[in-house]
């Protein structure tokens, strides 16, 4: 890889809001004919993680919208692997849906063993965080359903979705393909 190091300045005075929006977008990896990837020879640090090539869905393929509680949902990416030999990243989205109706329980059952591509919108507005790729799709690592305790209990479904990656996560800068239920 060419030396593309640049100065990285703290975003002093810039909008730097933490978190992800209330919308998560999840699709089966098999729903796509084309999944873009970062350029093979990046010329900038941004290009290492940005996917600018448009994703294309197969006929009938859909990206499903899941509305989550933004204050109970997050993404964290952890470096894993042997030091200086095989480091990679493992971005994980923890998504909390506030409800236990049949539709979300069915959704949980359908995605529990599937290869997925997951998109999350950071509140700072820098593209869509993408977890999963055609080479290493995302998958559900855990989930739970809570009915809450008493009249003030918390009721909902939690999904944890992750995928190995050679960067903390990718940023998809294109337009999400067709959304559908």
Protein backbone atom coordinates (compact mmCIF):
# COMPACT_ATOMS: atom_id res chain seq x y z
CA UNK A 1 0.00 0.00 0.00
CA UNK A 2 1.24 3.46 -0.85
CA UNK A 3 2.00 5.89 1.96
CA UNK A 4 -1.21 7.89 2.20
CA UNK A 5 -0.79 9.21 5.72
CA UNK A 6 -2.28 12.64 6.22
CA UNK A 7 -2.72 14.88 9.24
CA UNK A 8 -5.81 13.89 11.20
CA UNK A 9 -7.14 16.84 13.18
CA UNK A 10 -9.60 16.73 16.08
CA UNK A 11 -12.97 18.08 14.90
CA UNK A 12 -12.74 21.08 17.23
CA UNK A 13 -15.84 23.21 16.84
CA UNK A 14 -17.34 20.82 14.29
CA UNK A 15 -20.56 18.88 14.70
CA UNK A 16 -19.51 15.65 16.37
CA UNK A 17 -22.69 14.17 17.81
CA UNK A 18 -22.40 10.63 19.13
CA UNK A 19 -24.65 7.73 18.28
CA UNK A 20 -26.67 6.32 15.43
CA UNK A 21 -30.09 7.36 14.16
CA UNK A 22 -33.31 5.54 14.94
CA UNK A 23 -33.20 3.65 11.65
CA UNK A 24 -31.26 0.48 10.93
CA UNK A 25 -31.39 -1.04 7.47
CA UNK A 26 -30.85 -4.78 7.06
CA UNK A 27 -30.74 -6.90 3.91
CA UNK A 28 -29.88 -10.47 3.09
CA UNK A 29 -26.47 -10.60 1.40
CA UNK A 30 -28.06 -12.84 -1.25
CA UNK A 31 -30.43 -9.97 -2.22
CA UNK A 32 -27.63 -8.10 -4.03
CA UNK A 33 -26.18 -8.58 -7.49
CA UNK A 34 -23.46 -6.03 -6.72
CA UNK A 35 -22.02 -4.92 -3.41
CA UNK A 36 -19.47 -2.14 -3.79
CA UNK A 37 -16.17 -2.20 -1.92
CA UNK A 38 -13.55 0.40 -1.06
CA UNK A 39 -11.09 1.05 -3.88
CA UNK A 40 -8.24 -1.45 -4.10
CA UNK A 41 -5.53 1.23 -4.11
CA UNK A 42 -6.79 4.13 -1.97
CA UNK A 43 -5.19 7.53 -2.51
CA UNK A 44 -6.51 9.06 0.73
CA UNK A 45 -7.29 7.89 4.24
CA UNK A 46 -11.01 8.40 3.59
CA UNK A 47 -10.84 6.07 0.58
CA UNK A 48 -9.61 3.23 2.82
CA UNK A 49 -13.09 2.95 4.35
CA UNK A 50 -15.46 4.63 1.90
CA UNK A 51 -17.57 2.60 -0.52
CA UNK A 52 -18.57 4.86 -3.40
CA UNK A 53 -19.69 2.18 -5.88
CA UNK A 54 -23.47 1.76 -5.85
CA UNK A 55 -24.97 -1.39 -4.37
CA UNK A 56 -27.43 -3.12 -6.72
CA UNK A 57 -30.27 -5.35 -5.58
CA UNK A 58 -31.47 -8.43 -7.46
CA UNK A 59 -35.05 -8.23 -8.79
CA UNK A 60 -37.30 -8.68 -5.77
CA UNK A 61 -34.45 -7.95 -3.33
CA UNK A 62 -35.17 -5.52 -0.50
CA UNK A 63 -33.48 -3.57 2.25
CA UNK A 64 -35.61 -3.78 5.39
CA UNK A 65 -35.96 -0.82 7.74
CA UNK A 66 -35.93 -1.54 11.48
CA UNK A 67 -36.79 1.40 13.74
CA UNK A 68 -34.69 1.18 16.89
CA UNK A 69 -34.31 3.19 20.09
CA UNK A 70 -31.35 5.42 19.27
CA UNK A 71 -30.52 5.91 22.96
CA UNK A 72 -30.31 2.12 23.48
CA UNK A 73 -28.58 1.23 20.20
CA UNK A 74 -24.94 1.62 19.30
CA UNK A 75 -22.05 0.40 17.23
CA UNK A 76 -18.63 -0.51 18.54
CA UNK A 77 -15.69 -1.85 16.57
CA UNK A 78 -12.98 -3.84 18.31
CA UNK A 79 -9.55 -4.73 16.95
CA UNK A 80 -8.98 -8.49 17.06
CA UNK A 81 -6.29 -10.94 15.96
CA UNK A 82 -2.63 -11.56 16.58
CA UNK A 83 -0.49 -8.48 17.20
CA UNK A 84 1.25 -7.25 14.02
CA UNK A 85 0.43 -10.49 12.25
CA UNK A 86 -3.28 -10.61 11.51
CA UNK A 87 -5.09 -7.68 13.08
CA UNK A 88 -8.56 -7.02 11.81
CA UNK A 89 -11.67 -5.33 13.16
CA UNK A 90 -15.01 -6.65 14.31
CA UNK A 91 -17.70 -3.97 14.15
CA UNK A 92 -20.79 -4.89 16.15
CA UNK A 93 -24.16 -3.16 16.11
CA UNK A 94 -26.36 -3.50 19.17
CA UNK A 95 -29.91 -2.64 18.14
CA UNK A 96 -32.87 -2.35 20.50
CA UNK A 97 -36.41 -2.46 19.11
CA UNK A 98 -39.03 -1.33 21.65
CA UNK A 99 -41.76 -3.90 21.20
CA UNK A 100 -42.46 -7.61 20.99
CA UNK A 101 -45.18 -7.83 18.36
CA UNK A 102 -45.28 -10.83 16.04
CA UNK A 103 -43.71 -8.95 13.12
CA UNK A 104 -40.45 -8.21 14.97
CA UNK A 105 -40.34 -11.72 16.47
CA UNK A 106 -40.69 -13.14 12.96
CA UNK A 107 -37.96 -10.80 11.73
CA UNK A 108 -35.66 -12.02 14.53
CA UNK A 109 -36.38 -15.64 13.60
CA UNK A 110 -35.72 -15.09 9.88
CA UNK A 111 -32.36 -13.28 10.30
CA UNK A 112 -30.96 -15.40 13.17
CA UNK A 113 -28.82 -17.62 10.88
CA UNK A 114 -28.66 -15.46 7.75
CA UNK A 115 -25.83 -13.69 5.93
CA UNK A 116 -26.65 -10.00 6.22
CA UNK A 117 -25.58 -6.54 5.12
CA UNK A 118 -26.47 -3.95 7.76
CA UNK A 119 -26.52 -0.17 7.38
CA UNK A 120 -26.61 2.33 10.22
CA UNK A 121 -26.81 6.09 9.95
CA UNK A 122 -24.38 7.94 12.23
CA UNK A 123 -25.75 11.14 13.70
CA UNK A 124 -22.76 13.08 12.37
CA UNK A 125 -24.10 12.51 8.83
CA UNK A 126 -20.99 10.90 7.32
CA UNK A 127 -22.52 8.31 4.97
CA UNK A 128 -24.01 5.03 6.17
CA UNK A 129 -22.01 2.68 8.37
CA UNK A 130 -21.96 -0.70 6.64
CA UNK A 131 -21.42 -3.93 8.54
CA UNK A 132 -20.84 -6.92 6.29
CA UNK A 133 -19.61 -7.36 2.74
CA UNK A 134 -19.90 -9.91 -0.07
CA UNK A 135 -16.72 -11.63 1.20
CA UNK A 136 -17.60 -11.47 4.90
CA UNK A 137 -21.34 -10.95 5.46
CA UNK A 138 -22.67 -9.83 8.81
CA UNK A 139 -24.48 -12.24 11.11
CA UNK A 140 -26.50 -12.15 14.31
CA UNK A 141 -24.23 -13.06 17.24
CA UNK A 142 -26.88 -12.72 19.92
CA UNK A 143 -30.37 -11.58 20.57
CA UNK A 144 -32.87 -11.36 23.36
CA UNK A 145 -36.53 -10.69 23.94
CA UNK A 146 -37.67 -8.96 27.13
CA UNK A 147 -41.25 -8.54 28.27
CA UNK A 148 -40.31 -6.21 31.11
CA UNK A 149 -41.06 -6.28 34.81
CA UNK A 150 -44.12 -4.58 36.19
CA UNK A 151 -45.75 -1.47 34.76
CA UNK A 152 -42.44 0.36 34.29
CA UNK A 153 -40.48 -2.52 32.78
CA UNK A 154 -38.68 -2.34 29.47
CA UNK A 155 -40.11 -4.48 26.70
CA UNK A 156 -38.35 -5.17 23.43
CA UNK A 157 -36.00 -7.14 21.21
CA UNK A 158 -32.22 -6.70 21.12
CA UNK A 159 -30.15 -7.77 18.12
CA UNK A 160 -26.34 -7.86 18.03
CA UNK A 161 -24.97 -8.04 14.50
CA UNK A 162 -21.28 -8.18 13.56
CA UNK A 163 -18.86 -9.04 10.76
CA UNK A 164 -15.07 -9.22 10.49
CA UNK A 165 -13.59 -6.33 8.53
CA UNK A 166 -10.17 -4.96 7.62
CA UNK A 167 -11.17 -1.48 8.84
CA UNK A 168 -13.14 -0.31 11.90
CA UNK A 169 -16.16 -0.27 9.56
CA UNK A 170 -17.01 0.85 6.06
CA UNK A 171 -18.88 4.04 5.15
CA UNK A 172 -21.27 3.61 2.23
CA UNK A 173 -21.64 6.97 0.50
CA UNK A 174 -24.18 5.89 -2.14
CA UNK A 175 -27.95 5.83 -1.98
CA UNK A 176 -29.52 2.83 -0.27
CA UNK A 177 -31.22 0.54 -2.78
CA UNK A 178 -34.97 0.00 -2.73
CA UNK A 179 -36.49 -0.20 0.73
CA UNK A 180 -39.34 -2.57 1.32
CA UNK A 181 -41.26 -4.43 3.97
